[in-house]
Each structure stands twice: as structure tokens, then as C-alpha cells.
């Protein structure tokens, strides 16, 4: 019985039903600002060992090794209300700032709220080129300290709350899936539920 349910869930994911649900429920975002952050998810021991002969690219499995074992990192874009818009999955050792370039591609917003991990001249310049005001606190080792709007930055707690909401679901806070795409289906389904609240 459980196997039939699981197979149907995966089949629906393969037919993009999960992505369509998420996109339908988040089709009217508040784009006054976007918020980007990443969170690490510990991978359960059963998440390792996807059949190698069926893997096109092992990187697609979004599993990385660190001191804590296997981990996956979810990189998230949220709107001004703290609703999830986009996701990227990488191994847990991946740097947050490297994924931001893909996440902001084609995005139109007034502000972009991110923490110090995203303080990179190239990213800040790209945001400005897209007409987005970066609200990113400068790193302490910066030679030229940039100014940022501290008042607006306080709203960044919404992305932390969004991560907390995602991780309330057992299938999200710990990864049990061998296949990265299957884990993504669970995250998209959870994101759709969050948008419905």
C-alpha cells in the first residue's frame, strides 16, 4: 500500500504536478522585496547509494560530504511576505553566494534582503543592474564599508521563519530520498502548503 502511494507521488512529480501546484499557489507574490537564504539538511543514511548506472550526473543528487556526514543545502528565494518562490538544491558544502546569481535571474523587485554571506561586489553590481536595491550588511573584513538600510533589513527574519516552516515537515528537515528530484518534489509540495496558509 505505502509503495503504491509513494510511486504515485513520484509519478505526479515527474509530470510536473508538484511544480505546477507550487507555481499556481505562489502566482501573485509581493515583489516589493525578495529574500534569499540557504539552509543545510542532514541526509539520513538511507539517502546515500542511488544506483550509479542510472545517474547522468552525480552532482544532480545534491549530496555533499562535511564533518557531519552527508548533507543537502536548500537555497531559497522568498517574497516580501515570506512565501517561497524558487529553490535550488546543492551539496551541503556549496557556498550560498554562488547560487544567488541563478536565483535572482529574471527577478524584478525593489529590494533584495540577504545576510553577510552574500556580500560580494559582483552580486551587488548585478542586483543594481537589474534595478534592485541590495540590502546586505557588509562583511567585517571589507576595505570599503558599504551602507545598507538597517530598518528594511529587519524584515529578513521572514526568510528565517519560512525555513522554520519548511523544516516542520519530517520529510524536509531530514533527507531520506536517494534521488535529488524526489526530495525536490517533497519540498515543492510543502512550499505549496505554506502558500495556502
Protein backbone atom coordinates (compact mmCIF):
# COMPACT_ATOMS: atom_id res chain seq x y z
CA UNK A 1 0.00 0.00 0.00
CA UNK A 2 2.66 2.56 1.04
CA UNK A 3 4.68 1.70 -2.07
CA UNK A 4 1.72 2.49 -4.35
CA UNK A 5 1.23 5.87 -2.66
CA UNK A 6 4.94 6.66 -2.94
CA UNK A 7 5.08 5.66 -6.62
CA UNK A 8 2.07 7.81 -7.43
CA UNK A 9 3.63 10.76 -5.59
CA UNK A 10 6.83 10.39 -7.64
CA UNK A 11 4.86 9.93 -10.89
CA UNK A 12 2.99 13.18 -10.24
CA UNK A 13 6.31 14.89 -9.56
CA UNK A 14 7.77 13.58 -12.81
CA UNK A 15 4.74 15.04 -14.63
CA UNK A 16 5.46 18.45 -13.00
CA UNK A 17 2.23 18.42 -11.00
CA UNK A 18 4.11 19.45 -7.82
CA UNK A 19 5.84 22.33 -9.63
CA UNK A 20 2.51 23.43 -11.15
CA UNK A 21 0.84 23.38 -7.71
CA UNK A 22 3.60 25.50 -6.18
CA UNK A 23 3.60 27.91 -9.08
CA UNK A 24 -0.23 28.21 -9.01
CA UNK A 25 -0.37 28.98 -5.29
CA UNK A 26 2.50 31.48 -5.45
CA UNK A 27 1.39 33.23 -8.65
CA UNK A 28 0.71 36.60 -7.00
CA UNK A 29 3.87 37.32 -4.95
CA UNK A 30 4.59 40.59 -3.17
CA UNK A 31 7.71 41.70 -5.05
CA UNK A 32 8.46 44.81 -3.04
CA UNK A 33 11.40 42.77 -1.81
CA UNK A 34 12.93 39.35 -2.22
CA UNK A 35 14.85 37.48 0.45
CA UNK A 36 17.46 34.82 -0.21
CA UNK A 37 18.96 32.35 2.23
CA UNK A 38 20.20 28.79 2.43
CA UNK A 39 19.69 26.01 4.94
CA UNK A 40 21.51 22.73 5.46
CA UNK A 41 19.58 19.49 5.76
CA UNK A 42 21.18 16.36 7.18
CA UNK A 43 20.79 13.39 4.88
CA UNK A 44 19.73 10.16 6.55
CA UNK A 45 21.96 7.14 5.89
CA UNK A 46 19.31 5.70 3.56
CA UNK A 47 19.67 8.76 1.26
CA UNK A 48 23.09 7.55 0.08
CA UNK A 49 23.59 4.88 -2.54
CA UNK A 50 21.47 5.88 -5.53
CA UNK A 51 22.22 3.36 -8.33
CA UNK A 52 25.28 4.75 -10.16
CA UNK A 53 24.39 3.27 -13.55
CA UNK A 54 21.18 5.33 -13.64
CA UNK A 55 22.91 8.59 -12.66
CA UNK A 56 23.52 11.00 -15.51
CA UNK A 57 25.38 13.43 -13.27
CA UNK A 58 26.13 12.61 -9.60
CA UNK A 59 26.02 16.38 -8.85
CA UNK A 60 22.26 16.28 -9.54
CA UNK A 61 21.74 14.28 -6.36
CA UNK A 62 22.67 17.37 -4.28
CA UNK A 63 24.51 15.38 -1.64
CA UNK A 64 27.73 16.70 -0.16
CA UNK A 65 30.15 15.47 2.44
CA UNK A 66 31.03 17.51 5.51
CA UNK A 67 32.11 16.82 9.10
CA UNK A 68 28.54 15.90 9.94
CA UNK A 69 28.26 13.36 7.10
CA UNK A 70 26.02 13.67 4.05
CA UNK A 71 24.14 16.97 3.74
CA UNK A 72 22.00 18.81 1.23
CA UNK A 73 21.61 22.57 1.08
CA UNK A 74 18.35 24.23 0.04
CA UNK A 75 18.80 27.74 -1.38
CA UNK A 76 15.51 29.65 -1.18
CA UNK A 77 14.02 32.86 -2.57
CA UNK A 78 11.07 34.27 -0.65
CA UNK A 79 8.87 37.26 -1.43
CA UNK A 80 8.17 40.23 0.87
CA UNK A 81 5.53 38.20 2.75
CA UNK A 82 7.87 35.29 3.36
CA UNK A 83 6.30 32.94 0.80
CA UNK A 84 8.59 30.58 -1.13
CA UNK A 85 9.22 31.39 -4.80
CA UNK A 86 12.26 29.44 -6.03
CA UNK A 87 14.58 26.69 -4.82
CA UNK A 88 17.99 25.34 -5.78
CA UNK A 89 19.47 22.19 -4.25
CA UNK A 90 23.21 21.63 -3.85
CA UNK A 91 25.56 19.59 -1.73
CA UNK A 92 25.85 20.91 1.83
CA UNK A 93 29.36 22.29 1.27
CA UNK A 94 28.26 24.71 -1.51
CA UNK A 95 28.69 28.43 -0.85
CA UNK A 96 25.45 30.44 -0.60
CA UNK A 97 26.63 33.36 -2.72
CA UNK A 98 27.38 31.18 -5.78
CA UNK A 99 23.72 30.13 -6.05
CA UNK A 100 22.36 33.67 -5.67
CA UNK A 101 23.24 34.55 -9.28
CA UNK A 102 20.89 31.86 -10.57
CA UNK A 103 18.17 32.67 -8.03
CA UNK A 104 17.96 36.38 -8.96
CA UNK A 105 17.96 35.74 -12.70
CA UNK A 106 14.97 37.50 -14.27
CA UNK A 107 13.60 38.65 -10.88
CA UNK A 108 12.05 42.10 -10.57
CA UNK A 109 11.84 43.59 -7.08
CA UNK A 110 12.60 46.82 -5.27
CA UNK A 111 14.89 45.39 -2.56
CA UNK A 112 16.96 42.22 -2.11
CA UNK A 113 17.49 41.24 1.53
CA UNK A 114 20.36 38.84 2.25
CA UNK A 115 22.79 38.19 5.08
CA UNK A 116 26.57 38.80 5.12
CA UNK A 117 27.30 35.54 3.28
CA UNK A 118 26.04 37.27 0.11
CA UNK A 119 28.25 40.36 0.43
CA UNK A 120 30.13 40.13 -2.88
CA UNK A 121 30.83 43.04 -5.22
CA UNK A 122 29.82 41.03 -8.31
CA UNK A 123 26.42 40.11 -6.84
CA UNK A 124 25.75 43.66 -5.60
CA UNK A 125 26.61 45.04 -9.04
CA UNK A 126 24.31 42.51 -10.74
CA UNK A 127 21.43 43.45 -8.42
CA UNK A 128 21.92 47.14 -9.22
CA UNK A 129 21.96 46.38 -12.96
CA UNK A 130 18.56 44.70 -12.52
CA UNK A 131 17.24 47.79 -10.70
CA UNK A 132 17.18 46.06 -7.31
CA UNK A 133 18.50 47.83 -4.21
CA UNK A 134 20.76 45.41 -2.26
CA UNK A 135 20.11 45.33 1.49
CA UNK A 136 23.12 43.28 2.55
CA UNK A 137 25.23 44.05 5.62
CA UNK A 138 28.94 44.35 4.77
CA UNK A 139 31.45 41.76 5.95
CA UNK A 140 33.74 42.94 8.74
CA UNK A 141 36.87 42.47 6.59
CA UNK A 142 35.68 44.82 3.82
CA UNK A 143 38.12 47.61 2.94
CA UNK A 144 35.33 49.99 1.98
CA UNK A 145 32.32 49.62 4.28
CA UNK A 146 29.04 49.92 2.38
CA UNK A 147 25.90 51.44 3.82
CA UNK A 148 22.65 49.47 3.89
CA UNK A 149 19.13 50.14 5.15
CA UNK A 150 19.08 48.62 8.65
CA UNK A 151 15.35 49.25 9.05
CA UNK A 152 14.41 47.26 5.92
CA UNK A 153 16.96 44.56 6.81
CA UNK A 154 14.91 43.72 9.92
CA UNK A 155 12.27 42.20 7.63
CA UNK A 156 14.76 39.47 6.66
CA UNK A 157 13.53 37.43 9.62
CA UNK A 158 10.65 36.33 7.32
CA UNK A 159 13.01 34.08 5.33
CA UNK A 160 14.20 32.51 8.60
CA UNK A 161 10.55 31.92 9.54
CA UNK A 162 9.96 30.37 6.10
CA UNK A 163 12.86 27.95 6.63
CA UNK A 164 11.38 27.10 10.04
CA UNK A 165 8.00 26.36 8.43
CA UNK A 166 9.61 24.11 5.82
CA UNK A 167 11.53 22.20 8.47
CA UNK A 168 8.40 21.48 10.49
CA UNK A 169 7.79 18.70 7.96
CA UNK A 170 9.67 15.50 8.75
CA UNK A 171 10.35 14.71 5.09
CA UNK A 172 12.10 18.10 4.73
CA UNK A 173 14.16 18.59 7.90
CA UNK A 174 15.94 15.30 7.23
CA UNK A 175 16.51 13.97 3.74
CA UNK A 176 15.51 10.34 3.24
CA UNK A 177 15.41 10.38 -0.58
CA UNK A 178 18.22 8.82 -2.62
CA UNK A 179 17.22 10.83 -5.69
CA UNK A 180 17.56 14.63 -5.59
CA UNK A 181 14.49 15.09 -7.79
CA UNK A 182 12.31 13.12 -5.36
CA UNK A 183 13.46 15.28 -2.46
CA UNK A 184 12.66 18.36 -4.55
CA UNK A 185 9.08 17.07 -5.07
CA UNK A 186 8.57 16.93 -1.30
CA UNK A 187 9.96 20.47 -0.89
CA UNK A 188 7.70 21.80 -3.66
CA UNK A 189 4.66 20.11 -2.15
CA UNK A 190 5.50 21.63 1.25
CA UNK A 191 6.00 25.06 -0.37
CA UNK A 192 2.52 24.80 -1.93
CA UNK A 193 1.05 24.01 1.50
CA UNK A 194 2.83 27.03 3.04
CA UNK A 195 1.46 29.32 0.29
CA UNK A 196 -2.07 28.07 1.06
CA UNK A 197 -1.89 29.09 4.74
